[in-house]
Amino acid sequence: MSFEKVKAYLAPFGLSDRCIDLKESSATVALAAEALGTEEARIAKTMSFLIDDAPLIVVVAGDARVDNHKYKETFHKKAKMIPGADCERYIGHRPGGVCPFALPEAVPVYLDVSLKRFDIVYPAAGTDHSAVKLTLEELERASRAKGWVDVCKNWQSGE
């Protein structure tokens, strides 16, 4: 259901044909990269957080890790992930298929600068067996991102 919901959401952007329904699991960065035949860093992880009981999405590169200090500097709250059991209630997708598309209207989406080194990235498409192949411009437009943030570490060489 969620895959079809994401395809329908992406249709007005002319991107529904970019959705990939995989036979293999894409529930983790490693599994998604293997299933898609790409490097892990190009998997656009959709991280879901709670700020004062309101959901917030940050899409980051597959090899990036959230830096708690940078997150707090940016959002003025400690990083608190949405528990897996609550993901669907807050953002409409289950763990493994969390993506920045077809979200409840009030959920803000931000993109992390760790993605900017790529021309093509692969966020999930609503299920743990899916992905969507997008340019950064397409991701920014289709996710209706509020902007770019710098909240990650370990993705630049030497960090």
N, C-alpha and C. Protein backbone atom coordinates (compact mmCIF):
# COMPACT_ATOMS: atom_id res chain seq x y z
N MET A 1 0.83 -1.21 0.00
CA MET A 1 0.00 0.00 0.00
C MET A 1 0.86 1.26 0.00
N SER A 2 1.87 1.29 0.85
CA SER A 2 2.71 2.48 0.96
C SER A 2 3.48 2.75 -0.34
N PHE A 3 3.93 1.68 -1.03
CA PHE A 3 4.64 1.86 -2.30
C PHE A 3 3.73 2.54 -3.31
N GLU A 4 2.49 2.08 -3.41
CA GLU A 4 1.53 2.69 -4.35
C GLU A 4 1.22 4.14 -3.94
N LYS A 5 1.15 4.38 -2.64
CA LYS A 5 0.91 5.74 -2.14
C LYS A 5 2.06 6.67 -2.54
N VAL A 6 3.29 6.20 -2.43
CA VAL A 6 4.44 7.01 -2.81
C VAL A 6 4.47 7.23 -4.33
N LYS A 7 4.18 6.18 -5.11
CA LYS A 7 4.12 6.34 -6.57
C LYS A 7 3.09 7.39 -6.96
N ALA A 8 1.91 7.33 -6.34
CA ALA A 8 0.86 8.31 -6.62
C ALA A 8 1.30 9.71 -6.21
N TYR A 9 1.97 9.81 -5.07
CA TYR A 9 2.48 11.11 -4.59
C TYR A 9 3.49 11.69 -5.58
N LEU A 10 4.37 10.85 -6.13
CA LEU A 10 5.42 11.32 -7.03
C LEU A 10 4.92 11.59 -8.46
N ALA A 11 3.72 11.10 -8.80
CA ALA A 11 3.19 11.27 -10.16
C ALA A 11 3.10 12.73 -10.60
N PRO A 12 2.57 13.65 -9.79
CA PRO A 12 2.50 15.05 -10.24
C PRO A 12 3.87 15.69 -10.49
N PHE A 13 4.92 15.11 -9.92
CA PHE A 13 6.28 15.60 -10.14
C PHE A 13 6.91 14.94 -11.36
N GLY A 14 6.18 14.01 -11.99
CA GLY A 14 6.70 13.29 -13.14
C GLY A 14 7.76 12.26 -12.74
N LEU A 15 7.67 11.74 -11.52
CA LEU A 15 8.72 10.87 -11.00
C LEU A 15 8.25 9.47 -10.61
N SER A 16 6.99 9.15 -10.84
CA SER A 16 6.49 7.85 -10.39
C SER A 16 7.19 6.69 -11.11
N ASP A 17 7.65 6.93 -12.34
CA ASP A 17 8.35 5.88 -13.08
C ASP A 17 9.74 5.60 -12.53
N ARG A 18 10.22 6.41 -11.60
CA ARG A 18 11.53 6.22 -10.97
C ARG A 18 11.47 5.27 -9.78
N CYS A 19 10.24 4.94 -9.34
CA CYS A 19 10.08 4.04 -8.19
C CYS A 19 10.46 2.62 -8.60
N ILE A 20 11.21 1.97 -7.73
CA ILE A 20 11.71 0.63 -7.99
C ILE A 20 11.16 -0.31 -6.92
N ASP A 21 10.41 -1.32 -7.37
CA ASP A 21 9.86 -2.34 -6.47
C ASP A 21 10.86 -3.50 -6.49
N LEU A 22 11.54 -3.71 -5.39
CA LEU A 22 12.63 -4.69 -5.32
C LEU A 22 12.17 -6.05 -4.82
N LYS A 23 12.79 -7.10 -5.33
CA LYS A 23 12.54 -8.44 -4.81
C LYS A 23 13.28 -8.63 -3.49
N GLU A 24 14.46 -8.00 -3.40
CA GLU A 24 15.29 -8.10 -2.20
C GLU A 24 14.89 -7.02 -1.20
N SER A 25 15.23 -7.24 0.06
CA SER A 25 14.97 -6.25 1.10
C SER A 25 15.87 -5.03 0.91
N SER A 26 15.29 -3.88 1.21
CA SER A 26 16.06 -2.63 1.20
C SER A 26 15.90 -1.94 2.56
N ALA A 27 15.66 -2.75 3.59
CA ALA A 27 15.33 -2.22 4.91
C ALA A 27 16.50 -1.54 5.60
N THR A 28 17.74 -1.85 5.19
CA THR A 28 18.91 -1.19 5.76
C THR A 28 19.71 -0.57 4.62
N VAL A 29 20.61 0.30 4.96
CA VAL A 29 21.47 0.93 3.95
C VAL A 29 22.24 -0.14 3.18
N ALA A 30 22.83 -1.09 3.90
CA ALA A 30 23.63 -2.13 3.25
C ALA A 30 22.78 -2.98 2.30
N LEU A 31 21.60 -3.38 2.75
CA LEU A 31 20.71 -4.19 1.90
C LEU A 31 20.23 -3.41 0.68
N ALA A 32 19.89 -2.14 0.88
CA ALA A 32 19.43 -1.31 -0.24
C ALA A 32 20.53 -1.13 -1.27
N ALA A 33 21.75 -0.86 -0.82
CA ALA A 33 22.87 -0.67 -1.74
C ALA A 33 23.13 -1.94 -2.54
N GLU A 34 23.08 -3.09 -1.86
CA GLU A 34 23.30 -4.36 -2.54
C GLU A 34 22.19 -4.62 -3.57
N ALA A 35 20.95 -4.41 -3.18
CA ALA A 35 19.82 -4.65 -4.09
C ALA A 35 19.85 -3.73 -5.30
N LEU A 36 20.35 -2.51 -5.12
CA LEU A 36 20.37 -1.53 -6.20
C LEU A 36 21.68 -1.53 -6.97
N GLY A 37 22.69 -2.22 -6.47
CA GLY A 37 23.99 -2.25 -7.13
C GLY A 37 24.70 -0.90 -7.07
N THR A 38 24.60 -0.23 -5.94
CA THR A 38 25.23 1.08 -5.78
C THR A 38 25.98 1.12 -4.46
N GLU A 39 26.72 2.18 -4.24
CA GLU A 39 27.46 2.31 -2.99
C GLU A 39 26.52 2.75 -1.86
N GLU A 40 26.84 2.34 -0.65
CA GLU A 40 26.00 2.63 0.51
C GLU A 40 25.78 4.13 0.70
N ALA A 41 26.78 4.93 0.44
CA ALA A 41 26.68 6.38 0.66
C ALA A 41 25.55 7.00 -0.17
N ARG A 42 25.21 6.43 -1.32
CA ARG A 42 24.15 6.98 -2.18
C ARG A 42 22.74 6.64 -1.71
N ILE A 43 22.63 5.78 -0.73
CA ILE A 43 21.30 5.48 -0.16
C ILE A 43 20.93 6.66 0.72
N ALA A 44 19.84 7.32 0.38
CA ALA A 44 19.39 8.50 1.13
C ALA A 44 18.53 8.03 2.30
N LYS A 45 19.16 7.96 3.47
CA LYS A 45 18.45 7.51 4.68
C LYS A 45 17.50 8.60 5.15
N THR A 46 16.28 8.21 5.41
CA THR A 46 15.30 9.15 5.94
C THR A 46 15.21 8.92 7.44
N MET A 47 15.72 9.87 8.18
CA MET A 47 15.75 9.79 9.64
C MET A 47 14.54 10.54 10.21
N SER A 48 13.83 9.89 11.11
CA SER A 48 12.63 10.51 11.68
C SER A 48 12.85 10.81 13.16
N PHE A 49 12.62 12.07 13.52
CA PHE A 49 12.85 12.55 14.87
C PHE A 49 11.57 13.15 15.45
N LEU A 50 11.58 13.30 16.77
CA LEU A 50 10.51 14.01 17.46
C LEU A 50 11.09 15.25 18.12
N ILE A 51 10.42 16.36 17.91
CA ILE A 51 10.75 17.59 18.61
C ILE A 51 9.45 18.05 19.30
N ASP A 52 9.46 18.00 20.62
CA ASP A 52 8.24 18.34 21.39
C ASP A 52 7.02 17.58 20.87
N ASP A 53 7.17 16.29 20.66
CA ASP A 53 6.11 15.40 20.21
C ASP A 53 5.63 15.67 18.78
N ALA A 54 6.38 16.46 18.01
CA ALA A 54 6.05 16.69 16.60
C ALA A 54 7.15 16.06 15.74
N PRO A 55 6.77 15.34 14.68
CA PRO A 55 7.76 14.68 13.84
C PRO A 55 8.55 15.66 12.96
N LEU A 56 9.77 15.27 12.66
CA LEU A 56 10.69 16.02 11.81
C LEU A 56 11.50 15.00 11.03
N ILE A 57 11.70 15.24 9.74
CA ILE A 57 12.45 14.33 8.89
C ILE A 57 13.74 15.00 8.43
N VAL A 58 14.85 14.23 8.49
CA VAL A 58 16.12 14.68 7.92
C VAL A 58 16.62 13.55 7.03
N VAL A 59 16.87 13.84 5.76
CA VAL A 59 17.38 12.85 4.82
C VAL A 59 18.89 13.03 4.74
N VAL A 60 19.63 11.94 4.98
CA VAL A 60 21.08 11.99 5.05
C VAL A 60 21.69 10.91 4.16
N ALA A 61 22.97 11.08 3.81
CA ALA A 61 23.68 10.07 3.02
C ALA A 61 23.83 8.79 3.82
N GLY A 62 23.88 7.68 3.11
CA GLY A 62 23.95 6.37 3.75
C GLY A 62 25.15 6.14 4.63
N ASP A 63 26.24 6.85 4.40
CA ASP A 63 27.44 6.68 5.21
C ASP A 63 27.56 7.73 6.31
N ALA A 64 26.58 8.59 6.44
CA ALA A 64 26.62 9.68 7.43
C ALA A 64 25.94 9.23 8.73
N ARG A 65 26.38 9.81 9.81
CA ARG A 65 25.79 9.58 11.12
C ARG A 65 25.39 10.92 11.71
N VAL A 66 24.25 10.96 12.37
CA VAL A 66 23.80 12.21 12.98
C VAL A 66 24.76 12.58 14.11
N ASP A 67 25.20 13.82 14.09
CA ASP A 67 26.05 14.38 15.13
C ASP A 67 25.14 15.11 16.11
N ASN A 68 25.05 14.60 17.32
CA ASN A 68 24.11 15.16 18.30
C ASN A 68 24.33 16.64 18.55
N HIS A 69 25.57 17.07 18.60
CA HIS A 69 25.86 18.49 18.84
C HIS A 69 25.37 19.35 17.67
N LYS A 70 25.67 18.93 16.45
CA LYS A 70 25.22 19.69 15.26
C LYS A 70 23.69 19.72 15.19
N TYR A 71 23.06 18.58 15.50
CA TYR A 71 21.60 18.51 15.47
C TYR A 71 21.01 19.52 16.45
N LYS A 72 21.54 19.52 17.68
CA LYS A 72 21.02 20.43 18.70
C LYS A 72 21.27 21.89 18.33
N GLU A 73 22.42 22.19 17.73
CA GLU A 73 22.71 23.55 17.27
C GLU A 73 21.70 23.99 16.20
N THR A 74 21.30 23.07 15.35
CA THR A 74 20.40 23.38 14.25
C THR A 74 18.94 23.46 14.68
N PHE A 75 18.48 22.47 15.45
CA PHE A 75 17.06 22.37 15.80
C PHE A 75 16.74 22.78 17.24
N HIS A 76 17.76 23.11 18.00
CA HIS A 76 17.61 23.62 19.37
C HIS A 76 16.97 22.62 20.33
N LYS A 77 17.06 21.37 19.99
CA LYS A 77 16.58 20.27 20.85
C LYS A 77 17.52 19.09 20.66
N LYS A 78 17.57 18.22 21.65
CA LYS A 78 18.34 17.00 21.56
C LYS A 78 17.71 16.08 20.52
N ALA A 79 18.53 15.38 19.76
CA ALA A 79 18.03 14.44 18.75
C ALA A 79 17.34 13.28 19.44
N LYS A 80 16.06 13.08 19.12
CA LYS A 80 15.28 11.98 19.68
C LYS A 80 14.56 11.28 18.52
N MET A 81 15.02 10.07 18.21
CA MET A 81 14.43 9.32 17.11
C MET A 81 13.00 8.88 17.46
N ILE A 82 12.16 8.81 16.44
CA ILE A 82 10.82 8.25 16.63
C ILE A 82 11.00 6.74 16.81
N PRO A 83 10.47 6.17 17.89
CA PRO A 83 10.57 4.71 18.06
C PRO A 83 9.92 4.00 16.87
N GLY A 84 10.53 2.88 16.45
CA GLY A 84 10.03 2.14 15.30
C GLY A 84 8.56 1.83 15.36
N ALA A 85 8.07 1.48 16.53
CA ALA A 85 6.65 1.13 16.68
C ALA A 85 5.74 2.33 16.44
N ASP A 86 6.27 3.54 16.53
CA ASP A 86 5.45 4.75 16.37
C ASP A 86 5.62 5.43 15.00
N CYS A 87 6.53 4.94 14.18
CA CYS A 87 6.81 5.59 12.89
C CYS A 87 5.56 5.76 12.04
N GLU A 88 4.83 4.68 11.86
CA GLU A 88 3.66 4.75 10.97
C GLU A 88 2.64 5.76 11.49
N ARG A 89 2.46 5.82 12.78
CA ARG A 89 1.49 6.76 13.37
C ARG A 89 1.92 8.21 13.12
N TYR A 90 3.20 8.50 13.26
CA TYR A 90 3.68 9.88 13.10
C TYR A 90 3.89 10.30 11.64
N ILE A 91 4.42 9.37 10.83
CA ILE A 91 4.82 9.78 9.48
C ILE A 91 4.21 8.97 8.34
N GLY A 92 3.44 7.93 8.69
CA GLY A 92 2.72 7.19 7.66
C GLY A 92 3.51 6.09 6.98
N HIS A 93 4.73 5.83 7.43
CA HIS A 93 5.54 4.75 6.84
C HIS A 93 6.11 3.89 7.97
N ARG A 94 6.31 2.61 7.66
CA ARG A 94 6.89 1.68 8.62
C ARG A 94 8.41 1.72 8.53
N PRO A 95 9.12 1.33 9.60
CA PRO A 95 10.59 1.25 9.54
C PRO A 95 11.03 0.40 8.36
N GLY A 96 12.11 0.82 7.71
CA GLY A 96 12.61 0.13 6.52
C GLY A 96 12.06 0.75 5.24
N GLY A 97 10.92 1.44 5.34
CA GLY A 97 10.33 2.08 4.17
C GLY A 97 10.12 3.56 4.38
N VAL A 98 10.63 4.08 5.50
CA VAL A 98 10.47 5.51 5.80
C VAL A 98 11.12 6.33 4.69
N CYS A 99 10.36 7.28 4.17
CA CYS A 99 10.86 8.11 3.07
C CYS A 99 10.29 9.52 3.21
N PRO A 100 10.84 10.48 2.47
CA PRO A 100 10.38 11.87 2.60
C PRO A 100 9.20 12.21 1.70
N PHE A 101 8.42 11.22 1.30
CA PHE A 101 7.31 11.42 0.38
C PHE A 101 6.00 10.92 1.00
N ALA A 102 4.90 11.54 0.59
CA ALA A 102 3.57 11.13 1.05
C ALA A 102 3.47 11.16 2.57
N LEU A 103 4.04 12.19 3.16
CA LEU A 103 4.01 12.39 4.61
C LEU A 103 2.78 13.21 4.99
N PRO A 104 2.38 13.16 6.25
CA PRO A 104 1.36 14.11 6.69
C PRO A 104 1.84 15.54 6.43
N GLU A 105 0.94 16.40 6.06
CA GLU A 105 1.29 17.74 5.59
C GLU A 105 2.15 18.57 6.53
N ALA A 106 1.97 18.42 7.82
CA ALA A 106 2.68 19.26 8.79
C ALA A 106 4.11 18.78 9.08
N VAL A 107 4.54 17.66 8.50
CA VAL A 107 5.86 17.12 8.81
C VAL A 107 6.93 17.82 7.96
N PRO A 108 7.84 18.57 8.60
CA PRO A 108 8.89 19.24 7.84
C PRO A 108 9.99 18.27 7.43
N VAL A 109 10.54 18.49 6.25
CA VAL A 109 11.63 17.66 5.72
C VAL A 109 12.84 18.56 5.47
N TYR A 110 14.00 18.09 5.91
CA TYR A 110 15.27 18.78 5.66
C TYR A 110 16.22 17.79 4.99
N LEU A 111 17.13 18.30 4.18
CA LEU A 111 18.13 17.48 3.53
C LEU A 111 19.49 17.84 4.10
N ASP A 112 20.28 16.81 4.42
CA ASP A 112 21.61 17.06 4.98
C ASP A 112 22.64 17.25 3.86
N VAL A 113 23.60 18.12 4.13
CA VAL A 113 24.64 18.43 3.13
C VAL A 113 25.48 17.21 2.75
N SER A 114 25.42 16.14 3.54
CA SER A 114 26.17 14.92 3.19
C SER A 114 25.72 14.35 1.85
N LEU A 115 24.52 14.70 1.39
CA LEU A 115 24.00 14.23 0.10
C LEU A 115 24.56 15.01 -1.08
N LYS A 116 25.04 16.22 -0.84
CA LYS A 116 25.39 17.13 -1.93
C LYS A 116 26.54 16.66 -2.82
N ARG A 117 27.28 15.66 -2.41
CA ARG A 117 28.41 15.18 -3.23
C ARG A 117 27.97 14.24 -4.34
N PHE A 118 26.66 13.92 -4.39
CA PHE A 118 26.15 12.97 -5.37
C PHE A 118 25.23 13.63 -6.39
N ASP A 119 25.22 13.09 -7.59
CA ASP A 119 24.26 13.53 -8.61
C ASP A 119 22.96 12.75 -8.48
N ILE A 120 23.07 11.46 -8.14
CA ILE A 120 21.92 10.57 -8.00
C ILE A 120 21.93 9.94 -6.61
N VAL A 121 20.75 9.89 -5.96
CA VAL A 121 20.60 9.20 -4.68
C VAL A 121 19.35 8.33 -4.72
N TYR A 122 19.25 7.45 -3.71
CA TYR A 122 18.16 6.48 -3.67
C TYR A 122 17.47 6.46 -2.31
N PRO A 123 16.46 7.27 -2.11
CA PRO A 123 15.66 7.13 -0.88
C PRO A 123 14.70 5.94 -1.04
N ALA A 124 14.14 5.50 0.06
CA ALA A 124 13.12 4.45 0.03
C ALA A 124 11.86 5.01 -0.66
N ALA A 125 10.98 4.09 -1.03
CA ALA A 125 9.73 4.50 -1.67
C ALA A 125 8.53 3.93 -0.93
N GLY A 126 8.60 3.94 0.40
CA GLY A 126 7.44 3.59 1.21
C GLY A 126 7.40 2.19 1.78
N THR A 127 8.27 1.29 1.30
CA THR A 127 8.31 -0.07 1.84
C THR A 127 9.76 -0.49 2.04
N ASP A 128 9.94 -1.64 2.69
CA ASP A 128 11.28 -2.16 2.91
C ASP A 128 11.78 -3.01 1.74
N HIS A 129 11.13 -2.88 0.60
CA HIS A 129 11.54 -3.53 -0.65
C HIS A 129 11.42 -2.54 -1.81
N SER A 130 11.81 -1.29 -1.56
CA SER A 130 11.62 -0.27 -2.60
C SER A 130 12.67 0.82 -2.52
N ALA A 131 12.76 1.57 -3.60
CA ALA A 131 13.63 2.75 -3.67
C ALA A 131 13.11 3.63 -4.80
N VAL A 132 13.64 4.84 -4.86
CA VAL A 132 13.34 5.73 -5.97
C VAL A 132 14.64 6.42 -6.35
N LYS A 133 14.95 6.42 -7.64
CA LYS A 133 16.19 6.99 -8.16
C LYS A 133 15.95 8.46 -8.52
N LEU A 134 16.65 9.37 -7.82
CA LEU A 134 16.41 10.80 -8.00
C LEU A 134 17.70 11.61 -8.06
N THR A 135 17.65 12.71 -8.79
CA THR A 135 18.72 13.70 -8.68
C THR A 135 18.47 14.48 -7.39
N LEU A 136 19.46 15.24 -6.95
CA LEU A 136 19.26 16.04 -5.74
C LEU A 136 18.17 17.08 -5.94
N GLU A 137 18.12 17.68 -7.12
CA GLU A 137 17.07 18.67 -7.40
C GLU A 137 15.68 18.04 -7.34
N GLU A 138 15.55 16.83 -7.88
CA GLU A 138 14.27 16.12 -7.83
C GLU A 138 13.91 15.75 -6.40
N LEU A 139 14.89 15.31 -5.62
CA LEU A 139 14.65 14.98 -4.22
C LEU A 139 14.20 16.22 -3.45
N GLU A 140 14.87 17.32 -3.67
CA GLU A 140 14.53 18.56 -2.97
C GLU A 140 13.11 19.00 -3.31
N ARG A 141 12.77 18.94 -4.58
CA ARG A 141 11.44 19.37 -5.02
C ARG A 141 10.35 18.40 -4.54
N ALA A 142 10.56 17.10 -4.75
CA ALA A 142 9.53 16.11 -4.42
C ALA A 142 9.33 15.95 -2.91
N SER A 143 10.37 16.17 -2.13
CA SER A 143 10.24 16.05 -0.68
C SER A 143 9.69 17.33 -0.06
N ARG A 144 9.62 18.38 -0.89
CA ARG A 144 9.20 19.70 -0.42
C ARG A 144 10.07 20.13 0.77
N ALA A 145 11.37 19.88 0.61
CA ALA A 145 12.33 20.17 1.68
C ALA A 145 12.29 21.64 2.08
N LYS A 146 12.37 21.86 3.38
CA LYS A 146 12.41 23.23 3.92
C LYS A 146 13.78 23.85 3.71
N GLY A 147 14.79 23.01 3.47
CA GLY A 147 16.13 23.52 3.24
C GLY A 147 17.19 22.47 3.53
N TRP A 148 18.43 22.92 3.43
CA TRP A 148 19.59 22.07 3.67
C TRP A 148 20.13 22.35 5.06
N VAL A 149 20.55 21.29 5.75
CA VAL A 149 21.13 21.40 7.08
C VAL A 149 22.45 20.63 7.11
N ASP A 150 23.24 20.89 8.13
CA ASP A 150 24.52 20.19 8.33
C ASP A 150 24.48 19.57 9.72
N VAL A 151 23.94 18.36 9.82
CA VAL A 151 23.76 17.73 11.13
C VAL A 151 24.44 16.35 11.22
N CYS A 152 25.34 16.04 10.29
CA CYS A 152 25.95 14.73 10.28
C CYS A 152 27.47 14.77 10.41
N LYS A 153 28.02 13.59 10.69
CA LYS A 153 29.47 13.40 10.79
C LYS A 153 29.84 12.10 10.11
N ASN A 154 31.14 11.87 10.02
CA ASN A 154 31.72 10.62 9.52
C ASN A 154 31.50 10.36 8.03
N TRP A 155 31.10 11.34 7.28
CA TRP A 155 30.90 11.10 5.85
C TRP A 155 32.00 11.73 5.01
N GLN A 156 32.75 12.65 5.57
CA GLN A 156 33.86 13.24 4.84
C GLN A 156 35.13 12.51 5.20
N SER A 157 36.02 12.34 4.23
CA SER A 157 37.27 11.64 4.53
C SER A 157 38.02 12.37 5.63
N GLY A 158 38.53 11.61 6.55
CA GLY A 158 39.28 12.19 7.65
C GLY A 158 38.43 12.62 8.83
N GLU A 159 37.13 12.49 8.75
CA GLU A 159 36.27 12.91 9.89
C GLU A 159 36.08 11.79 10.86
